[in-house]
PDB file of N, CA and C in Angstrom:
ATOM      1  N   MET A   1      34.284  -2.903  10.686  1.00  0.00           N
ATOM      2  CA  MET A   1      34.530  -3.352  12.029  1.00  0.00           C
ATOM      3  C   MET A   1      35.749  -2.617  12.573  1.00  0.00           C
ATOM      4  N   ALA A   2      35.712  -2.241  13.835  1.00  0.00           N
ATOM      5  CA  ALA A   2      36.804  -1.504  14.454  1.00  0.00           C
ATOM      6  C   ALA A   2      37.992  -2.430  14.703  1.00  0.00           C
ATOM      7  N   ASN A   3      39.178  -1.888  14.554  1.00  0.00           N
ATOM      8  CA  ASN A   3      40.392  -2.626  14.840  1.00  0.00           C
ATOM      9  C   ASN A   3      40.744  -2.436  16.308  1.00  0.00           C
ATOM     10  N   LYS A   4      41.150  -3.503  16.964  1.00  0.00           N
ATOM     11  CA  LYS A   4      41.517  -3.426  18.379  1.00  0.00           C
ATOM     12  C   LYS A   4      43.026  -3.291  18.491  1.00  0.00           C
ATOM     13  N   GLU A   5      43.454  -2.292  19.263  1.00  0.00           N
ATOM     14  CA  GLU A   5      44.873  -2.081  19.538  1.00  0.00           C
ATOM     15  C   GLU A   5      45.052  -1.958  21.036  1.00  0.00           C
ATOM     16  N   THR A   6      46.230  -2.344  21.530  1.00  0.00           N
ATOM     17  CA  THR A   6      46.532  -2.178  22.949  1.00  0.00           C
ATOM     18  C   THR A   6      47.567  -1.079  23.066  1.00  0.00           C
ATOM     19  N   ILE A   7      47.200  -0.039  23.799  1.00  0.00           N
ATOM     20  CA  ILE A   7      48.067   1.117  23.975  1.00  0.00           C
ATOM     21  C   ILE A   7      48.262   1.323  25.472  1.00  0.00           C
ATOM     22  N   GLY A   8      49.493   1.172  25.944  1.00  0.00           N
ATOM     23  CA  GLY A   8      49.772   1.348  27.366  1.00  0.00           C
ATOM     24  C   GLY A   8      48.974   0.399  28.251  1.00  0.00           C
ATOM     25  N   GLY A   9      48.735  -0.811  27.768  1.00  0.00           N
ATOM     26  CA  GLY A   9      47.993  -1.802  28.534  1.00  0.00           C
ATOM     27  C   GLY A   9      46.482  -1.650  28.471  1.00  0.00           C
ATOM     28  N   ILE A  10      46.004  -0.675  27.707  1.00  0.00           N
ATOM     29  CA  ILE A  10      44.561  -0.439  27.583  1.00  0.00           C
ATOM     30  C   ILE A  10      44.126  -0.815  26.171  1.00  0.00           C
ATOM     31  N   SER A  11      43.055  -1.608  26.092  1.00  0.00           N
ATOM     32  CA  SER A  11      42.516  -1.970  24.778  1.00  0.00           C
ATOM     33  C   SER A  11      41.722  -0.802  24.211  1.00  0.00           C
ATOM     34  N   VAL A  12      42.066  -0.427  22.983  1.00  0.00           N
ATOM     35  CA  VAL A  12      41.405   0.683  22.310  1.00  0.00           C
ATOM     36  C   VAL A  12      40.873   0.170  20.978  1.00  0.00           C
ATOM     37  N   TYR A  13      39.615   0.503  20.680  1.00  0.00           N
ATOM     38  CA  TYR A  13      39.031   0.135  19.399  1.00  0.00           C
ATOM     39  C   TYR A  13      39.123   1.338  18.469  1.00  0.00           C
ATOM     40  N   VAL A  14      39.792   1.141  17.357  1.00  0.00           N
ATOM     41  CA  VAL A  14      40.019   2.215  16.399  1.00  0.00           C
ATOM     42  C   VAL A  14      38.999   2.047  15.265  1.00  0.00           C
ATOM     43  N   PRO A  15      38.029   2.962  15.158  1.00  0.00           N
ATOM     44  CA  PRO A  15      36.939   2.811  14.180  1.00  0.00           C
ATOM     45  C   PRO A  15      37.308   3.291  12.779  1.00  0.00           C
ATOM     46  N   THR A  16      38.374   2.739  12.234  1.00  0.00           N
ATOM     47  CA  THR A  16      38.823   3.185  10.912  1.00  0.00           C
ATOM     48  C   THR A  16      38.348   2.285   9.794  1.00  0.00           C
ATOM     49  N   GLY A  17      37.589   1.279  10.116  1.00  0.00           N
ATOM     50  CA  GLY A  17      37.088   0.381   9.084  1.00  0.00           C
ATOM     51  C   GLY A  17      38.032  -0.770   8.844  1.00  0.00           C
ATOM     52  N   ASP A  18      37.572  -1.692   8.075  1.00  0.00           N
ATOM     53  CA  ASP A  18      38.336  -2.886   7.755  1.00  0.00           C
ATOM     54  C   ASP A  18      39.393  -2.546   6.712  1.00  0.00           C
ATOM     55  N   PRO A  19      40.675  -2.732   7.034  1.00  0.00           N
ATOM     56  CA  PRO A  19      41.720  -2.378   6.065  1.00  0.00           C
ATOM     57  C   PRO A  19      41.708  -3.249   4.810  1.00  0.00           C
ATOM     58  N   SER A  20      41.011  -4.378   4.856  1.00  0.00           N
ATOM     59  CA  SER A  20      40.959  -5.241   3.682  1.00  0.00           C
ATOM     60  C   SER A  20      39.750  -4.948   2.798  1.00  0.00           C
ATOM     61  N   ALA A  21      39.069  -3.837   3.046  1.00  0.00           N
ATOM     62  CA  ALA A  21      37.887  -3.477   2.257  1.00  0.00           C
ATOM     63  C   ALA A  21      38.273  -3.277   0.793  1.00  0.00           C
ATOM     64  N   ILE A  22      37.412  -3.703  -0.078  1.00  0.00           N
ATOM     65  CA  ILE A  22      37.642  -3.575  -1.516  1.00  0.00           C
ATOM     66  C   ILE A  22      37.159  -2.202  -1.985  1.00  0.00           C
ATOM     67  N   ALA A  23      37.971  -1.532  -2.765  1.00  0.00           N
ATOM     68  CA  ALA A  23      37.588  -0.228  -3.290  1.00  0.00           C
ATOM     69  C   ALA A  23      36.387  -0.374  -4.220  1.00  0.00           C
ATOM     70  N   ALA A  24      35.494   0.580  -4.150  1.00  0.00           N
ATOM     71  CA  ALA A  24      34.295   0.553  -4.994  1.00  0.00           C
ATOM     72  C   ALA A  24      34.329   1.713  -5.979  1.00  0.00           C
ATOM     73  N   CYS A  25      33.677   1.536  -7.095  1.00  0.00           N
ATOM     74  CA  CYS A  25      33.572   2.592  -8.096  1.00  0.00           C
ATOM     75  C   CYS A  25      32.305   3.401  -7.843  1.00  0.00           C
ATOM     76  N   LEU A  26      32.359   4.670  -8.160  1.00  0.00           N
ATOM     77  CA  LEU A  26      31.166   5.504  -8.051  1.00  0.00           C
ATOM     78  C   LEU A  26      30.179   5.147  -9.148  1.00  0.00           C
ATOM     79  N   ALA A  27      28.913   5.325  -8.848  1.00  0.00           N
ATOM     80  CA  ALA A  27      27.869   5.077  -9.842  1.00  0.00           C
ATOM     81  C   ALA A  27      27.945   6.145 -10.936  1.00  0.00           C
ATOM     82  N   THR A  28      27.434   5.816 -12.094  1.00  0.00           N
ATOM     83  CA  THR A  28      27.380   6.771 -13.183  1.00  0.00           C
ATOM     84  C   THR A  28      26.459   7.925 -12.804  1.00  0.00           C
ATOM     85  N   ARG A  29      26.915   9.130 -13.055  1.00  0.00           N
ATOM     86  CA  ARG A  29      26.136  10.327 -12.729  1.00  0.00           C
ATOM     87  C   ARG A  29      24.897  10.413 -13.617  1.00  0.00           C
ATOM     88  N   LEU A  30      23.770  10.811 -13.038  1.00  0.00           N
ATOM     89  CA  LEU A  30      22.543  11.000 -13.816  1.00  0.00           C
ATOM     90  C   LEU A  30      22.691  12.212 -14.738  1.00  0.00           C
ATOM     91  N   ASN A  31      22.092  12.149 -15.904  1.00  0.00           N
ATOM     92  CA  ASN A  31      22.082  13.317 -16.792  1.00  0.00           C
ATOM     93  C   ASN A  31      21.198  14.410 -16.217  1.00  0.00           C
ATOM     94  N   SER A  32      20.146  14.015 -15.506  1.00  0.00           N
ATOM     95  CA  SER A  32      19.198  14.964 -14.933  1.00  0.00           C
ATOM     96  C   SER A  32      18.466  14.283 -13.780  1.00  0.00           C
ATOM     97  N   VAL A  33      18.023  15.070 -12.815  1.00  0.00           N
ATOM     98  CA  VAL A  33      17.189  14.516 -11.738  1.00  0.00           C
ATOM     99  C   VAL A  33      15.706  14.656 -12.070  1.00  0.00           C
ATOM    100  N   ARG A  34      15.390  15.298 -13.199  1.00  0.00           N
ATOM    101  CA  ARG A  34      13.994  15.470 -13.605  1.00  0.00           C
ATOM    102  C   ARG A  34      13.339  14.109 -13.763  1.00  0.00           C
ATOM    103  N   GLY A  35      12.321  13.861 -12.946  1.00  0.00           N
ATOM    104  CA  GLY A  35      11.583  12.607 -12.989  1.00  0.00           C
ATOM    105  C   GLY A  35      12.314  11.405 -12.396  1.00  0.00           C
ATOM    106  N   ALA A  36      13.504  11.611 -11.875  1.00  0.00           N
ATOM    107  CA  ALA A  36      14.289  10.508 -11.318  1.00  0.00           C
ATOM    108  C   ALA A  36      13.710  10.032  -9.986  1.00  0.00           C
ATOM    109  N   ARG A  37      13.958   8.784  -9.686  1.00  0.00           N
ATOM    110  CA  ARG A  37      13.568   8.208  -8.393  1.00  0.00           C
ATOM    111  C   ARG A  37      14.745   8.413  -7.448  1.00  0.00           C
ATOM    112  N   ILE A  38      14.556   9.292  -6.474  1.00  0.00           N
ATOM    113  CA  ILE A  38      15.629   9.655  -5.555  1.00  0.00           C
ATOM    114  C   ILE A  38      15.336   9.076  -4.177  1.00  0.00           C
ATOM    115  N   GLY A  39      16.262   8.299  -3.667  1.00  0.00           N
ATOM    116  CA  GLY A  39      16.157   7.780  -2.309  1.00  0.00           C
ATOM    117  C   GLY A  39      16.925   8.679  -1.362  1.00  0.00           C
ATOM    118  N   ILE A  40      16.373   8.903  -0.190  1.00  0.00           N
ATOM    119  CA  ILE A  40      17.058   9.708   0.816  1.00  0.00           C
ATOM    120  C   ILE A  40      17.186   8.871   2.080  1.00  0.00           C
ATOM    121  N   LEU A  41      18.423   8.710   2.540  1.00  0.00           N
ATOM    122  CA  LEU A  41      18.695   7.947   3.749  1.00  0.00           C
ATOM    123  C   LEU A  41      19.028   8.905   4.884  1.00  0.00           C
ATOM    124  N   ASP A  42      18.160   8.945   5.865  1.00  0.00           N
ATOM    125  CA  ASP A  42      18.367   9.744   7.072  1.00  0.00           C
ATOM    126  C   ASP A  42      19.138   8.871   8.050  1.00  0.00           C
ATOM    127  N   ASN A  43      20.338   9.308   8.400  1.00  0.00           N
ATOM    128  CA  ASN A  43      21.153   8.497   9.304  1.00  0.00           C
ATOM    129  C   ASN A  43      20.846   8.762  10.769  1.00  0.00           C
ATOM    130  N   CYS A  44      19.819   9.534  11.038  1.00  0.00           N
ATOM    131  CA  CYS A  44      19.271   9.867  12.361  1.00  0.00           C
ATOM    132  C   CYS A  44      20.173  10.750  13.213  1.00  0.00           C
ATOM    133  N   LYS A  45      21.051  11.510  12.578  1.00  0.00           N
ATOM    134  CA  LYS A  45      21.781  12.532  13.328  1.00  0.00           C
ATOM    135  C   LYS A  45      20.862  13.728  13.518  1.00  0.00           C
ATOM    136  N   GLU A  46      21.169  14.516  14.529  1.00  0.00           N
ATOM    137  CA  GLU A  46      20.338  15.675  14.849  1.00  0.00           C
ATOM    138  C   GLU A  46      20.237  16.617  13.653  1.00  0.00           C
ATOM    139  N   PHE A  47      19.026  17.013  13.335  1.00  0.00           N
ATOM    140  CA  PHE A  47      18.676  17.959  12.273  1.00  0.00           C
ATOM    141  C   PHE A  47      18.790  17.403  10.852  1.00  0.00           C
ATOM    142  N   ALA A  48      19.253  16.167  10.691  1.00  0.00           N
ATOM    143  CA  ALA A  48      19.339  15.599   9.344  1.00  0.00           C
ATOM    144  C   ALA A  48      17.960  15.552   8.701  1.00  0.00           C
ATOM    145  N   ASP A  49      16.936  15.210   9.480  1.00  0.00           N
ATOM    146  CA  ASP A  49      15.578  15.122   8.924  1.00  0.00           C
ATOM    147  C   ASP A  49      15.093  16.455   8.392  1.00  0.00           C
ATOM    148  N   LEU A  50      15.439  17.551   9.061  1.00  0.00           N
ATOM    149  CA  LEU A  50      15.024  18.878   8.606  1.00  0.00           C
ATOM    150  C   LEU A  50      15.699  19.254   7.290  1.00  0.00           C
ATOM    151  N   VAL A  51      16.990  19.017   7.217  1.00  0.00           N
ATOM    152  CA  VAL A  51      17.737  19.340   6.003  1.00  0.00           C
ATOM    153  C   VAL A  51      17.252  18.487   4.837  1.00  0.00           C
ATOM    154  N   LEU A  52      17.104  17.193   5.087  1.00  0.00           N
ATOM    155  CA  LEU A  52      16.703  16.277   4.019  1.00  0.00           C
ATOM    156  C   LEU A  52      15.279  16.525   3.546  1.00  0.00           C
ATOM    157  N   SER A  53      14.391  16.927   4.441  1.00  0.00           N
ATOM    158  CA  SER A  53      13.025  17.274   4.034  1.00  0.00           C
ATOM    159  C   SER A  53      13.038  18.458   3.080  1.00  0.00           C
ATOM    160  N   GLY A  54      13.890  19.438   3.372  1.00  0.00           N
ATOM    161  CA  GLY A  54      14.024  20.597   2.490  1.00  0.00           C
ATOM    162  C   GLY A  54      14.580  20.217   1.126  1.00  0.00           C
ATOM    163  N   VAL A  55      15.570  19.348   1.120  1.00  0.00           N
ATOM    164  CA  VAL A  55      16.151  18.872  -0.140  1.00  0.00           C
ATOM    165  C   VAL A  55      15.092  18.131  -0.947  1.00  0.00           C
ATOM    166  N   ALA A  56      14.335  17.256  -0.275  1.00  0.00           N
ATOM    167  CA  ALA A  56      13.282  16.487  -0.961  1.00  0.00           C
ATOM    168  C   ALA A  56      12.233  17.412  -1.565  1.00  0.00           C
ATOM    169  N   GLU A  57      11.843  18.435  -0.818  1.00  0.00           N
ATOM    170  CA  GLU A  57      10.831  19.379  -1.303  1.00  0.00           C
ATOM    171  C   GLU A  57      11.285  20.064  -2.590  1.00  0.00           C
ATOM    172  N   VAL A  58      12.537  20.504  -2.629  1.00  0.00           N
ATOM    173  CA  VAL A  58      13.071  21.168  -3.818  1.00  0.00           C
ATOM    174  C   VAL A  58      13.162  20.188  -4.987  1.00  0.00           C
ATOM    175  N   LEU A  59      13.630  18.978  -4.717  1.00  0.00           N
ATOM    176  CA  LEU A  59      13.730  17.981  -5.792  1.00  0.00           C
ATOM    177  C   LEU A  59      12.367  17.679  -6.407  1.00  0.00           C
ATOM    178  N   GLU A  60      11.352  17.568  -5.573  1.00  0.00           N
ATOM    179  CA  GLU A  60      10.008  17.281  -6.073  1.00  0.00           C
ATOM    180  C   GLU A  60       9.396  18.482  -6.786  1.00  0.00           C
ATOM    181  N   ARG A  61       9.456  19.647  -6.150  1.00  0.00           N
ATOM    182  CA  ARG A  61       8.800  20.846  -6.679  1.00  0.00           C
ATOM    183  C   ARG A  61       9.487  21.389  -7.933  1.00  0.00           C
ATOM    184  N   GLU A  62      10.798  21.468  -7.896  1.00  0.00           N
ATOM    185  CA  GLU A  62      11.510  22.135  -8.983  1.00  0.00           C
ATOM    186  C   GLU A  62      12.058  21.191 -10.057  1.00  0.00           C
ATOM    187  N   HIS A  63      12.120  19.908  -9.741  1.00  0.00           N
ATOM    188  CA  HIS A  63      12.721  18.974 -10.696  1.00  0.00           C
ATOM    189  C   HIS A  63      11.837  17.771 -11.003  1.00  0.00           C
ATOM    190  N   GLY A  64      10.669  17.701 -10.393  1.00  0.00           N
ATOM    191  CA  GLY A  64       9.756  16.601 -10.669  1.00  0.00           C
ATOM    192  C   GLY A  64      10.278  15.239 -10.261  1.00  0.00           C
ATOM    193  N   ALA A  65      11.208  15.214  -9.318  1.00  0.00           N
ATOM    194  CA  ALA A  65      11.755  13.934  -8.848  1.00  0.00           C
ATOM    195  C   ALA A  65      10.733  13.224  -7.972  1.00  0.00           C
ATOM    196  N   ILE A  66      10.851  11.921  -7.915  1.00  0.00           N
ATOM    197  CA  ILE A  66      10.015  11.099  -7.041  1.00  0.00           C
ATOM    198  C   ILE A  66      10.908  10.689  -5.882  1.00  0.00           C
ATOM    199  N   VAL A  67      10.592  11.172  -4.681  1.00  0.00           N
ATOM    200  CA  VAL A  67      11.468  10.992  -3.527  1.00  0.00           C
ATOM    201  C   VAL A  67      10.874   9.997  -2.536  1.00  0.00           C
ATOM    202  N   ARG A  68      11.725   9.110  -2.050  1.00  0.00           N
ATOM    203  CA  ARG A  68      11.327   8.178  -0.998  1.00  0.00           C
ATOM    204  C   ARG A  68      12.367   8.232   0.116  1.00  0.00           C
ATOM    205  N   PHE A  69      11.896   8.238   1.370  1.00  0.00           N
ATOM    206  CA  PHE A  69      12.775   8.295   2.533  1.00  0.00           C
ATOM    207  C   PHE A  69      12.970   6.934   3.172  1.00  0.00           C
ATOM    208  N   TRP A  70      14.164   6.723   3.684  1.00  0.00           N
ATOM    209  CA  TRP A  70      14.473   5.615   4.574  1.00  0.00           C
ATOM    210  C   TRP A  70      15.169   6.222   5.790  1.00  0.00           C
ATOM    211  N   ARG A  71      14.996   5.621   6.951  1.00  0.00           N
ATOM    212  CA  ARG A  71      15.641   6.125   8.167  1.00  0.00           C
ATOM    213  C   ARG A  71      16.263   4.966   8.930  1.00  0.00           C
ATOM    214  N   LYS A  72      17.552   5.089   9.212  1.00  0.00           N
ATOM    215  CA  LYS A  72      18.231   4.079  10.006  1.00  0.00           C
ATOM    216  C   LYS A  72      17.764   4.192  11.459  1.00  0.00           C
ATOM    217  N   SER A  73      17.838   3.088  12.183  1.00  0.00           N
ATOM    218  CA  SER A  73      17.428   3.101  13.588  1.00  0.00           C
ATOM    219  C   SER A  73      18.506   3.669  14.495  1.00  0.00           C
ATOM    220  N   TYR A  74      19.743   3.647  14.010  1.00  0.00           N
ATOM    221  CA  TYR A  74      20.868   4.137  14.808  1.00  0.00           C
ATOM    222  C   TYR A  74      21.979   4.522  13.851  1.00  0.00           C
ATOM    223  N   LEU A  75      22.650   5.634  14.112  1.00  0.00           N
ATOM    224  CA  LEU A  75      23.642   6.118  13.158  1.00  0.00           C
ATOM    225  C   LEU A  75      24.886   5.256  13.084  1.00  0.00           C
ATOM    226  N   GLY A  76      25.185   4.460  14.102  1.00  0.00           N
ATOM    227  CA  GLY A  76      26.414   3.686  14.136  1.00  0.00           C
ATOM    228  C   GLY A  76      26.342   2.333  13.462  1.00  0.00           C
ATOM    229  N   ILE A  77      25.314   2.100  12.656  1.00  0.00           N
ATOM    230  CA  ILE A  77      25.199   0.819  11.963  1.00  0.00           C
ATOM    231  C   ILE A  77      25.178   1.036  10.458  1.00  0.00           C
ATOM    232  N   PRO A  78      25.598   0.029   9.700  1.00  0.00           N
ATOM    233  CA  PRO A  78      25.471   0.141   8.240  1.00  0.00           C
ATOM    234  C   PRO A  78      23.988   0.185   7.856  1.00  0.00           C
ATOM    235  N   SER A  79      23.701   0.724   6.718  1.00  0.00           N
ATOM    236  CA  SER A  79      22.315   0.804   6.284  1.00  0.00           C
ATOM    237  C   SER A  79      21.767  -0.577   5.952  1.00  0.00           C
ATOM    238  N   PRO A  80      20.654  -0.958   6.573  1.00  0.00           N
ATOM    239  CA  PRO A  80      20.033  -2.235   6.222  1.00  0.00           C
ATOM    240  C   PRO A  80      19.212  -2.129   4.930  1.00  0.00           C
ATOM    241  N   PHE A  81      19.149  -0.931   4.348  1.00  0.00           N
ATOM    242  CA  PHE A  81      18.295  -0.673   3.186  1.00  0.00           C
ATOM    243  C   PHE A  81      19.061  -0.609   1.869  1.00  0.00           C
ATOM    244  N   ALA A  82      20.349  -0.849   1.868  1.00  0.00           N
ATOM    245  CA  ALA A  82      21.180  -0.614   0.681  1.00  0.00           C
ATOM    246  C   ALA A  82      20.667  -1.345  -0.559  1.00  0.00           C
ATOM    247  N   LYS A  83      20.373  -2.624  -0.452  1.00  0.00           N
ATOM    248  CA  LYS A  83      19.911  -3.381  -1.623  1.00  0.00           C
ATOM    249  C   LYS A  83      18.555  -2.887  -2.105  1.00  0.00           C
ATOM    250  N   GLU A  84      17.664  -2.604  -1.172  1.00  0.00           N
ATOM    251  CA  GLU A  84      16.331  -2.095  -1.518  1.00  0.00           C
ATOM    252  C   GLU A  84      16.444  -0.750  -2.224  1.00  0.00           C
ATOM    253  N   MET A  85      17.292   0.121  -1.700  1.00  0.00           N
ATOM    254  CA  MET A  85      17.470   1.435  -2.303  1.00  0.00           C
ATOM    255  C   MET A  85      18.079   1.321  -3.697  1.00  0.00           C
ATOM    256  N   ALA A  86      19.057   0.436  -3.849  1.00  0.00           N
ATOM    257  CA  ALA A  86      19.693   0.257  -5.157  1.00  0.00           C
ATOM    258  C   ALA A  86      18.686  -0.234  -6.189  1.00  0.00           C
ATOM    259  N   ALA A  87      17.764  -1.082  -5.766  1.00  0.00           N
ATOM    260  CA  ALA A  87      16.772  -1.632  -6.688  1.00  0.00           C
ATOM    261  C   ALA A  87      15.683  -0.625  -7.047  1.00  0.00           C
ATOM    262  N   GLU A  88      15.365   0.284  -6.127  1.00  0.00           N
ATOM    263  CA  GLU A  88      14.225   1.184  -6.315  1.00  0.00           C
ATOM    264  C   GLU A  88      14.576   2.610  -6.714  1.00  0.00           C
ATOM    265  N   CYS A  89      15.859   2.964  -6.679  1.00  0.00           N
ATOM    266  CA  CYS A  89      16.237   4.369  -6.885  1.00  0.00           C
ATOM    267  C   CYS A  89      17.227   4.539  -8.031  1.00  0.00           C
ATOM    268  N   ASP A  90      17.131   5.706  -8.674  1.00  0.00           N
ATOM    269  CA  ASP A  90      18.106   6.081  -9.683  1.00  0.00           C
ATOM    270  C   ASP A  90      19.327   6.736  -9.039  1.00  0.00           C
ATOM    271  N   ALA A  91      19.104   7.365  -7.888  1.00  0.00           N
ATOM    272  CA  ALA A  91      20.177   8.001  -7.132  1.00  0.00           C
ATOM    273  C   ALA A  91      19.759   8.037  -5.659  1.00  0.00           C
ATOM    274  N   VAL A  92      20.760   8.116  -4.786  1.00  0.00           N
ATOM    275  CA  VAL A  92      20.518   8.133  -3.349  1.00  0.00           C
ATOM    276  C   VAL A  92      21.307   9.267  -2.712  1.00  0.00           C
ATOM    277  N   ILE A  93      20.670   9.939  -1.767  1.00  0.00           N
ATOM    278  CA  ILE A  93      21.314  10.976  -0.970  1.00  0.00           C
ATOM    279  C   ILE A  93      21.412  10.434   0.442  1.00  0.00           C
ATOM    280  N   ASN A  94      22.624  10.416   0.974  1.00  0.00           N
ATOM    281  CA  ASN A  94      22.835   9.975   2.349  1.00  0.00           C
ATOM    282  C   ASN A  94      23.077  11.222   3.177  1.00  0.00           C
ATOM    283  N   GLY A  95      22.132  11.537   4.043  1.00  0.00           N
ATOM    284  CA  GLY A  95      22.200  12.800   4.775  1.00  0.00           C
ATOM    285  C   GLY A  95      22.815  12.656   6.144  1.00  0.00           C
ATOM    286  N   VAL A  96      23.454  13.719   6.556  1.00  0.00           N
ATOM    287  CA  VAL A  96      24.026  13.772   7.887  1.00  0.00           C
ATOM    288  C   VAL A  96      23.601  15.051   8.573  1.00  0.00           C
ATOM    289  N   GLY A  97      23.553  15.003   9.867  1.00  0.00           N
ATOM    290  CA  GLY A  97      23.293  16.193  10.674  1.00  0.00           C
ATOM    291  C   GLY A  97      24.600  16.651  11.287  1.00  0.00           C
ATOM    292  N   HIS A  98      24.495  17.354  12.398  1.00  0.00           N
ATOM    293  CA  HIS A  98      25.757  17.779  13.021  1.00  0.00           C
ATOM    294  C   HIS A  98      26.122  16.906  14.173  1.00  0.00           C
TER     295      HIS A  98
END
């Protein structure tokens, strides 16, 4: 959630996140992506779908990964798919465009 500050009488929302957020640990790295279930989250930025499709193609063709896509409806929201992806995937790629 953005923090609200008043600067020169104007309310400004600073999108730096909640300062009370708890630090998280990174997931254990996979030994190999061969045969792994890879989730790809398209955050709907321009060209992200093109880049991620290429990544998925290589993962499937060259590494035998099983790839599934999810797409957010808007880039400015948290992913509504996080729990589903965690349950169904060995690893997740969160893609961005420009």
